[in-house]
């Protein structure tokens, strides 16, 4: 089975449960947020997503992501990026 590996910032999601049952957390870490961000620390998750779940997860992330964030996933030479913006 082939998997995507990705990085998700939990603060980028209005509903982090979008990851439930679709992504396996490989590593959890906190990083300092950029200046002027409403969250002083971001909760970063390195995740593994099965190939067959990637399309549905990307679709669901797009519905729950807050403005001006992105999440990305890679598998071999394939890159999936979900971006939201205020405009």
PDB file of N, CA and C in Angstrom:
ATOM      1  N   UNK A   1       0.843  -1.176   0.000  1.00  0.00           N
ATOM      2  CA  UNK A   1       0.000   0.000   0.000  1.00  0.00           C
ATOM      3  C   UNK A   1       0.888   1.240   0.000  1.00  0.00           C
ATOM      4  N   UNK A   2       0.518   2.204  -0.805  1.00  0.00           N
ATOM      5  CA  UNK A   2       1.274   3.445  -0.869  1.00  0.00           C
ATOM      6  C   UNK A   2       0.594   4.503  -0.024  1.00  0.00           C
ATOM      7  N   UNK A   3       1.398   5.350   0.591  1.00  0.00           N
ATOM      8  CA  UNK A   3       0.878   6.380   1.472  1.00  0.00           C
ATOM      9  C   UNK A   3       1.426   7.744   1.102  1.00  0.00           C
ATOM     10  N   UNK A   4       0.667   8.769   1.439  1.00  0.00           N
ATOM     11  CA  UNK A   4       1.142  10.139   1.404  1.00  0.00           C
ATOM     12  C   UNK A   4       1.651  10.478   2.799  1.00  0.00           C
ATOM     13  N   UNK A   5       2.638  11.341   2.875  1.00  0.00           N
ATOM     14  CA  UNK A   5       3.106  11.892   4.135  1.00  0.00           C
ATOM     15  C   UNK A   5       2.853  13.389   4.074  1.00  0.00           C
ATOM     16  N   UNK A   6       2.349  13.951   5.157  1.00  0.00           N
ATOM     17  CA  UNK A   6       2.020  15.368   5.132  1.00  0.00           C
ATOM     18  C   UNK A   6       2.234  16.050   6.457  1.00  0.00           C
ATOM     19  N   UNK A   7       2.155  17.375   6.407  1.00  0.00           N
ATOM     20  CA  UNK A   7       2.263  18.207   7.601  1.00  0.00           C
ATOM     21  C   UNK A   7       0.973  19.005   7.721  1.00  0.00           C
ATOM     22  N   UNK A   8       0.363  18.928   8.891  1.00  0.00           N
ATOM     23  CA  UNK A   8      -0.876  19.650   9.157  1.00  0.00           C
ATOM     24  C   UNK A   8      -0.683  20.474  10.420  1.00  0.00           C
ATOM     25  N   UNK A   9      -1.070  21.728  10.352  1.00  0.00           N
ATOM     26  CA  UNK A   9      -1.088  22.599  11.529  1.00  0.00           C
ATOM     27  C   UNK A   9      -2.519  22.567  12.066  1.00  0.00           C
ATOM     28  N   UNK A  10      -2.696  22.044  13.263  1.00  0.00           N
ATOM     29  CA  UNK A  10      -4.057  21.881  13.795  1.00  0.00           C
ATOM     30  C   UNK A  10      -4.797  23.206  13.887  1.00  0.00           C
ATOM     31  N   UNK A  11      -4.083  24.296  14.158  1.00  0.00           N
ATOM     32  CA  UNK A  11      -4.726  25.606  14.243  1.00  0.00           C
ATOM     33  C   UNK A  11      -5.253  26.085  12.895  1.00  0.00           C
ATOM     34  N   UNK A  12      -4.868  25.417  11.816  1.00  0.00           N
ATOM     35  CA  UNK A  12      -5.378  25.776  10.489  1.00  0.00           C
ATOM     36  C   UNK A  12      -6.761  25.188  10.228  1.00  0.00           C
ATOM     37  N   UNK A  13      -7.221  24.333  11.144  1.00  0.00           N
ATOM     38  CA  UNK A  13      -8.491  23.637  10.931  1.00  0.00           C
ATOM     39  C   UNK A  13      -9.550  24.107  11.920  1.00  0.00           C
ATOM     40  N   UNK A  14     -10.716  24.439  11.404  1.00  0.00           N
ATOM     41  CA  UNK A  14     -11.845  24.735  12.283  1.00  0.00           C
ATOM     42  C   UNK A  14     -12.315  23.469  12.985  1.00  0.00           C
ATOM     43  N   UNK A  15     -12.119  22.332  12.318  1.00  0.00           N
ATOM     44  CA  UNK A  15     -12.548  21.051  12.869  1.00  0.00           C
ATOM     45  C   UNK A  15     -11.441  20.012  12.653  1.00  0.00           C
ATOM     46  N   UNK A  16     -10.534  19.845  13.619  1.00  0.00           N
ATOM     47  CA  UNK A  16      -9.443  18.880  13.464  1.00  0.00           C
ATOM     48  C   UNK A  16      -9.896  17.431  13.311  1.00  0.00           C
ATOM     49  N   UNK A  17     -11.161  17.147  13.599  1.00  0.00           N
ATOM     50  CA  UNK A  17     -11.637  15.770  13.440  1.00  0.00           C
ATOM     51  C   UNK A  17     -11.638  15.335  11.974  1.00  0.00           C
ATOM     52  N   UNK A  18     -11.411  16.261  11.047  1.00  0.00           N
ATOM     53  CA  UNK A  18     -11.293  15.888   9.626  1.00  0.00           C
ATOM     54  C   UNK A  18     -10.154  14.889   9.416  1.00  0.00           C
ATOM     55  N   UNK A  19      -9.193  14.885  10.321  1.00  0.00           N
ATOM     56  CA  UNK A  19      -8.069  13.940  10.225  1.00  0.00           C
ATOM     57  C   UNK A  19      -8.409  12.567  10.784  1.00  0.00           C
ATOM     58  N   UNK A  20      -9.416  12.503  11.638  1.00  0.00           N
ATOM     59  CA  UNK A  20      -9.767  11.251  12.306  1.00  0.00           C
ATOM     60  C   UNK A  20     -10.046  10.137  11.299  1.00  0.00           C
ATOM     61  N   UNK A  21      -9.530   8.976  11.570  1.00  0.00           N
ATOM     62  CA  UNK A  21      -9.762   7.759  10.775  1.00  0.00           C
ATOM     63  C   UNK A  21      -9.214   7.838   9.358  1.00  0.00           C
ATOM     64  N   UNK A  22      -8.512   8.889   9.004  1.00  0.00           N
ATOM     65  CA  UNK A  22      -7.926   8.994   7.669  1.00  0.00           C
ATOM     66  C   UNK A  22      -6.419   9.165   7.714  1.00  0.00           C
ATOM     67  N   UNK A  23      -5.921   9.708   8.834  1.00  0.00           N
ATOM     68  CA  UNK A  23      -4.496  10.005   8.940  1.00  0.00           C
ATOM     69  C   UNK A  23      -3.941   9.408  10.230  1.00  0.00           C
ATOM     70  N   UNK A  24      -2.745   8.870  10.120  1.00  0.00           N
ATOM     71  CA  UNK A  24      -2.029   8.358  11.280  1.00  0.00           C
ATOM     72  C   UNK A  24      -0.967   9.379  11.658  1.00  0.00           C
ATOM     73  N   UNK A  25      -0.984   9.839  12.893  1.00  0.00           N
ATOM     74  CA  UNK A  25       0.013  10.804  13.347  1.00  0.00           C
ATOM     75  C   UNK A  25       1.330  10.072  13.588  1.00  0.00           C
ATOM     76  N   UNK A  26       2.361  10.513  12.873  1.00  0.00           N
ATOM     77  CA  UNK A  26       3.698   9.926  13.020  1.00  0.00           C
ATOM     78  C   UNK A  26       4.513  10.682  14.052  1.00  0.00           C
ATOM     79  N   UNK A  27       4.293  11.995  14.120  1.00  0.00           N
ATOM     80  CA  UNK A  27       5.033  12.828  15.069  1.00  0.00           C
ATOM     81  C   UNK A  27       4.220  14.077  15.369  1.00  0.00           C
ATOM     82  N   UNK A  28       4.217  14.469  16.620  1.00  0.00           N
ATOM     83  CA  UNK A  28       3.547  15.703  17.045  1.00  0.00           C
ATOM     84  C   UNK A  28       4.600  16.643  17.608  1.00  0.00           C
ATOM     85  N   UNK A  29       4.529  17.901  17.211  1.00  0.00           N
ATOM     86  CA  UNK A  29       5.457  18.891  17.757  1.00  0.00           C
ATOM     87  C   UNK A  29       4.788  20.259  17.731  1.00  0.00           C
ATOM     88  N   UNK A  30       5.263  21.122  18.591  1.00  0.00           N
ATOM     89  CA  UNK A  30       4.764  22.488  18.638  1.00  0.00           C
ATOM     90  C   UNK A  30       5.858  23.411  18.132  1.00  0.00           C
ATOM     91  N   UNK A  31       5.442  24.410  17.360  1.00  0.00           N
ATOM     92  CA  UNK A  31       6.391  25.385  16.835  1.00  0.00           C
ATOM     93  C   UNK A  31       5.868  26.790  17.115  1.00  0.00           C
ATOM     94  N   UNK A  32       6.779  27.726  17.216  1.00  0.00           N
ATOM     95  CA  UNK A  32       6.404  29.119  17.445  1.00  0.00           C
ATOM     96  C   UNK A  32       5.721  29.656  16.191  1.00  0.00           C
ATOM     97  N   UNK A  33       4.582  30.291  16.386  1.00  0.00           N
ATOM     98  CA  UNK A  33       3.834  30.863  15.271  1.00  0.00           C
ATOM     99  C   UNK A  33       4.500  32.157  14.804  1.00  0.00           C
ATOM    100  N   UNK A  34       4.201  32.583  13.575  1.00  0.00           N
ATOM    101  CA  UNK A  34       4.749  33.851  13.093  1.00  0.00           C
ATOM    102  C   UNK A  34       4.256  35.023  13.950  1.00  0.00           C
ATOM    103  N   UNK A  35       4.978  36.136  13.926  1.00  0.00           N
ATOM    104  CA  UNK A  35       4.541  37.321  14.675  1.00  0.00           C
ATOM    105  C   UNK A  35       3.124  37.736  14.274  1.00  0.00           C
ATOM    106  N   UNK A  36       2.379  38.229  15.212  1.00  0.00           N
ATOM    107  CA  UNK A  36       1.016  38.732  15.013  1.00  0.00           C
ATOM    108  C   UNK A  36      -0.022  37.635  14.757  1.00  0.00           C
ATOM    109  N   UNK A  37       0.364  36.374  14.867  1.00  0.00           N
ATOM    110  CA  UNK A  37      -0.606  35.290  14.714  1.00  0.00           C
ATOM    111  C   UNK A  37      -1.442  35.210  15.995  1.00  0.00           C
ATOM    112  N   UNK A  38      -2.737  34.949  15.886  1.00  0.00           N
ATOM    113  CA  UNK A  38      -3.552  34.863  17.102  1.00  0.00           C
ATOM    114  C   UNK A  38      -3.182  33.689  18.011  1.00  0.00           C
ATOM    115  N   UNK A  39      -2.489  32.694  17.457  1.00  0.00           N
ATOM    116  CA  UNK A  39      -2.033  31.546  18.242  1.00  0.00           C
ATOM    117  C   UNK A  39      -0.522  31.675  18.435  1.00  0.00           C
ATOM    118  N   UNK A  40      -0.036  31.767  19.654  1.00  0.00           N
ATOM    119  CA  UNK A  40       1.413  31.913  19.850  1.00  0.00           C
ATOM    120  C   UNK A  40       2.205  30.663  19.451  1.00  0.00           C
ATOM    121  N   UNK A  41       1.548  29.510  19.518  1.00  0.00           N
ATOM    122  CA  UNK A  41       2.203  28.244  19.184  1.00  0.00           C
ATOM    123  C   UNK A  41       1.300  27.474  18.236  1.00  0.00           C
ATOM    124  N   UNK A  42       1.908  26.859  17.224  1.00  0.00           N
ATOM    125  CA  UNK A  42       1.164  25.995  16.311  1.00  0.00           C
ATOM    126  C   UNK A  42       1.434  24.539  16.680  1.00  0.00           C
ATOM    127  N   UNK A  43       0.386  23.740  16.624  1.00  0.00           N
ATOM    128  CA  UNK A  43       0.482  22.300  16.876  1.00  0.00           C
ATOM    129  C   UNK A  43       0.658  21.602  15.535  1.00  0.00           C
ATOM    130  N   UNK A  44       1.892  21.191  15.259  1.00  0.00           N
ATOM    131  CA  UNK A  44       2.231  20.593  13.965  1.00  0.00           C
ATOM    132  C   UNK A  44       2.129  19.077  14.067  1.00  0.00           C
ATOM    133  N   UNK A  45       1.530  18.461  13.043  1.00  0.00           N
ATOM    134  CA  UNK A  45       1.416  17.010  12.993  1.00  0.00           C
ATOM    135  C   UNK A  45       1.996  16.497  11.679  1.00  0.00           C
ATOM    136  N   UNK A  46       2.930  15.578  11.800  1.00  0.00           N
ATOM    137  CA  UNK A  46       3.418  14.836  10.640  1.00  0.00           C
ATOM    138  C   UNK A  46       2.522  13.620  10.545  1.00  0.00           C
ATOM    139  N   UNK A  47       1.854  13.450   9.404  1.00  0.00           N
ATOM    140  CA  UNK A  47       0.857  12.387   9.285  1.00  0.00           C
ATOM    141  C   UNK A  47       1.116  11.510   8.062  1.00  0.00           C
ATOM    142  N   UNK A  48       0.579  10.301   8.137  1.00  0.00           N
ATOM    143  CA  UNK A  48       0.580   9.371   7.002  1.00  0.00           C
ATOM    144  C   UNK A  48      -0.870   9.163   6.600  1.00  0.00           C
ATOM    145  N   UNK A  49      -1.128   9.275   5.284  1.00  0.00           N
ATOM    146  CA  UNK A  49      -2.486   9.133   4.756  1.00  0.00           C
ATOM    147  C   UNK A  49      -2.464   8.074   3.663  1.00  0.00           C
ATOM    148  N   UNK A  50      -3.280   7.030   3.775  1.00  0.00           N
ATOM    149  CA  UNK A  50      -3.339   6.020   2.717  1.00  0.00           C
ATOM    150  C   UNK A  50      -3.777   6.646   1.386  1.00  0.00           C
ATOM    151  N   UNK A  51      -3.210   6.151   0.322  1.00  0.00           N
ATOM    152  CA  UNK A  51      -3.499   6.654  -1.021  1.00  0.00           C
ATOM    153  C   UNK A  51      -5.001   6.754  -1.275  1.00  0.00           C
ATOM    154  N   UNK A  52      -5.742   5.728  -0.881  1.00  0.00           N
ATOM    155  CA  UNK A  52      -7.177   5.697  -1.182  1.00  0.00           C
ATOM    156  C   UNK A  52      -7.981   6.724  -0.370  1.00  0.00           C
ATOM    157  N   UNK A  53      -7.391   7.298   0.675  1.00  0.00           N
ATOM    158  CA  UNK A  53      -8.089   8.299   1.492  1.00  0.00           C
ATOM    159  C   UNK A  53      -7.701   9.732   1.158  1.00  0.00           C
ATOM    160  N   UNK A  54      -6.653   9.916   0.348  1.00  0.00           N
ATOM    161  CA  UNK A  54      -6.096  11.250   0.141  1.00  0.00           C
ATOM    162  C   UNK A  54      -7.085  12.219  -0.499  1.00  0.00           C
ATOM    163  N   UNK A  55      -7.780  11.808  -1.516  1.00  0.00           N
ATOM    164  CA  UNK A  55      -8.706  12.708  -2.214  1.00  0.00           C
ATOM    165  C   UNK A  55      -9.815  13.190  -1.275  1.00  0.00           C
ATOM    166  N   UNK A  56     -10.411  12.272  -0.542  1.00  0.00           N
ATOM    167  CA  UNK A  56     -11.487  12.654   0.386  1.00  0.00           C
ATOM    168  C   UNK A  56     -10.960  13.541   1.510  1.00  0.00           C
ATOM    169  N   UNK A  57      -9.763  13.232   2.023  1.00  0.00           N
ATOM    170  CA  UNK A  57      -9.196  14.054   3.081  1.00  0.00           C
ATOM    171  C   UNK A  57      -8.921  15.466   2.572  1.00  0.00           C
ATOM    172  N   UNK A  58      -8.340  15.589   1.393  1.00  0.00           N
ATOM    173  CA  UNK A  58      -8.058  16.916   0.827  1.00  0.00           C
ATOM    174  C   UNK A  58      -9.346  17.716   0.659  1.00  0.00           C
ATOM    175  N   UNK A  59     -10.391  17.054   0.211  1.00  0.00           N
ATOM    176  CA  UNK A  59     -11.685  17.719   0.051  1.00  0.00           C
ATOM    177  C   UNK A  59     -12.221  18.198   1.399  1.00  0.00           C
ATOM    178  N   UNK A  60     -12.163  17.344   2.410  1.00  0.00           N
ATOM    179  CA  UNK A  60     -12.663  17.709   3.739  1.00  0.00           C
ATOM    180  C   UNK A  60     -11.810  18.786   4.397  1.00  0.00           C
ATOM    181  N   UNK A  61     -10.492  18.733   4.194  1.00  0.00           N
ATOM    182  CA  UNK A  61      -9.635  19.782   4.743  1.00  0.00           C
ATOM    183  C   UNK A  61      -9.989  21.140   4.142  1.00  0.00           C
ATOM    184  N   UNK A  62     -10.270  21.162   2.862  1.00  0.00           N
ATOM    185  CA  UNK A  62     -10.627  22.432   2.203  1.00  0.00           C
ATOM    186  C   UNK A  62     -11.869  23.044   2.824  1.00  0.00           C
ATOM    187  N   UNK A  63     -12.771  22.222   3.301  1.00  0.00           N
ATOM    188  CA  UNK A  63     -14.010  22.733   3.909  1.00  0.00           C
ATOM    189  C   UNK A  63     -13.784  23.256   5.324  1.00  0.00           C
ATOM    190  N   UNK A  64     -12.763  22.775   6.026  1.00  0.00           N
ATOM    191  CA  UNK A  64     -12.580  23.142   7.430  1.00  0.00           C
ATOM    192  C   UNK A  64     -11.382  24.055   7.686  1.00  0.00           C
ATOM    193  N   UNK A  65     -10.552  24.288   6.667  1.00  0.00           N
ATOM    194  CA  UNK A  65      -9.364  25.112   6.866  1.00  0.00           C
ATOM    195  C   UNK A  65      -9.715  26.585   7.028  1.00  0.00           C
ATOM    196  N   UNK A  66      -8.967  27.252   7.905  1.00  0.00           N
ATOM    197  CA  UNK A  66      -9.138  28.684   8.096  1.00  0.00           C
ATOM    198  C   UNK A  66      -8.368  29.440   7.007  1.00  0.00           C
ATOM    199  N   UNK A  67      -8.676  30.707   6.850  1.00  0.00           N
ATOM    200  CA  UNK A  67      -8.087  31.508   5.775  1.00  0.00           C
ATOM    201  C   UNK A  67      -6.568  31.638   5.931  1.00  0.00           C
ATOM    202  N   UNK A  68      -5.912  31.680   4.792  1.00  0.00           N
ATOM    203  CA  UNK A  68      -4.469  31.925   4.693  1.00  0.00           C
ATOM    204  C   UNK A  68      -3.593  30.834   5.291  1.00  0.00           C
ATOM    205  N   UNK A  69      -4.070  29.619   5.278  1.00  0.00           N
ATOM    206  CA  UNK A  69      -3.257  28.468   5.673  1.00  0.00           C
ATOM    207  C   UNK A  69      -3.154  27.518   4.489  1.00  0.00           C
ATOM    208  N   UNK A  70      -2.195  26.620   4.564  1.00  0.00           N
ATOM    209  CA  UNK A  70      -2.130  25.517   3.611  1.00  0.00           C
ATOM    210  C   UNK A  70      -1.647  24.281   4.339  1.00  0.00           C
ATOM    211  N   UNK A  71      -1.977  23.129   3.810  1.00  0.00           N
ATOM    212  CA  UNK A  71      -1.470  21.849   4.293  1.00  0.00           C
ATOM    213  C   UNK A  71      -0.978  21.094   3.070  1.00  0.00           C
ATOM    214  N   UNK A  72       0.099  20.364   3.213  1.00  0.00           N
ATOM    215  CA  UNK A  72       0.656  19.675   2.058  1.00  0.00           C
ATOM    216  C   UNK A  72       1.003  18.226   2.383  1.00  0.00           C
ATOM    217  N   UNK A  73       0.972  17.414   1.320  1.00  0.00           N
ATOM    218  CA  UNK A  73       1.200  15.976   1.410  1.00  0.00           C
ATOM    219  C   UNK A  73       2.007  15.543   0.193  1.00  0.00           C
ATOM    220  N   UNK A  74       2.916  14.584   0.373  1.00  0.00           N
ATOM    221  CA  UNK A  74       3.737  14.098  -0.733  1.00  0.00           C
ATOM    222  C   UNK A  74       3.744  12.573  -0.766  1.00  0.00           C
ATOM    223  N   UNK A  75       3.904  12.068  -1.983  1.00  0.00           N
ATOM    224  CA  UNK A  75       4.099  10.632  -2.214  1.00  0.00           C
ATOM    225  C   UNK A  75       4.939  10.519  -3.470  1.00  0.00           C
ATOM    226  N   UNK A  76       6.151  10.031  -3.324  1.00  0.00           N
ATOM    227  CA  UNK A  76       7.080   9.928  -4.451  1.00  0.00           C
ATOM    228  C   UNK A  76       7.210  11.295  -5.130  1.00  0.00           C
ATOM    229  N   UNK A  77       6.725  11.406  -6.361  1.00  0.00           N
ATOM    230  CA  UNK A  77       6.820  12.670  -7.101  1.00  0.00           C
ATOM    231  C   UNK A  77       5.490  13.411  -7.162  1.00  0.00           C
ATOM    232  N   UNK A  78       4.537  12.999  -6.336  1.00  0.00           N
ATOM    233  CA  UNK A  78       3.221  13.647  -6.317  1.00  0.00           C
ATOM    234  C   UNK A  78       3.118  14.550  -5.099  1.00  0.00           C
ATOM    235  N   UNK A  79       2.654  15.775  -5.318  1.00  0.00           N
ATOM    236  CA  UNK A  79       2.463  16.749  -4.248  1.00  0.00           C
ATOM    237  C   UNK A  79       1.004  17.199  -4.258  1.00  0.00           C
ATOM    238  N   UNK A  80       0.361  17.138  -3.103  1.00  0.00           N
ATOM    239  CA  UNK A  80      -1.008  17.622  -2.939  1.00  0.00           C
ATOM    240  C   UNK A  80      -0.951  18.772  -1.944  1.00  0.00           C
ATOM    241  N   UNK A  81      -1.469  19.935  -2.346  1.00  0.00           N
ATOM    242  CA  UNK A  81      -1.488  21.107  -1.465  1.00  0.00           C
ATOM    243  C   UNK A  81      -2.902  21.631  -1.409  1.00  0.00           C
ATOM    244  N   UNK A  82      -3.400  21.844  -0.195  1.00  0.00           N
ATOM    245  CA  UNK A  82      -4.702  22.469   0.010  1.00  0.00           C
ATOM    246  C   UNK A  82      -4.430  23.857   0.567  1.00  0.00           C
ATOM    247  N   UNK A  83      -4.967  24.884  -0.123  1.00  0.00           N
ATOM    248  CA  UNK A  83      -4.728  26.273   0.236  1.00  0.00           C
ATOM    249  C   UNK A  83      -6.060  26.980   0.412  1.00  0.00           C
ATOM    250  N   UNK A  84      -6.133  27.851   1.400  1.00  0.00           N
ATOM    251  CA  UNK A  84      -7.289  28.738   1.536  1.00  0.00           C
ATOM    252  C   UNK A  84      -6.757  30.162   1.618  1.00  0.00           C
ATOM    253  N   UNK A  85      -7.559  31.100   1.184  1.00  0.00           N
ATOM    254  CA  UNK A  85      -7.163  32.494   1.283  1.00  0.00           C
ATOM    255  C   UNK A  85      -8.385  33.337   1.552  1.00  0.00           C
ATOM    256  N   UNK A  86      -8.158  34.562   1.980  1.00  0.00           N
ATOM    257  CA  UNK A  86      -9.257  35.468   2.287  1.00  0.00           C
ATOM    258  C   UNK A  86      -9.910  36.003   1.024  1.00  0.00           C
ATOM    259  N   UNK A  87      -9.197  35.996  -0.080  1.00  0.00           N
ATOM    260  CA  UNK A  87      -9.756  36.556  -1.310  1.00  0.00           C
ATOM    261  C   UNK A  87     -10.465  35.539  -2.163  1.00  0.00           C
TER     262      UNK A  87
END
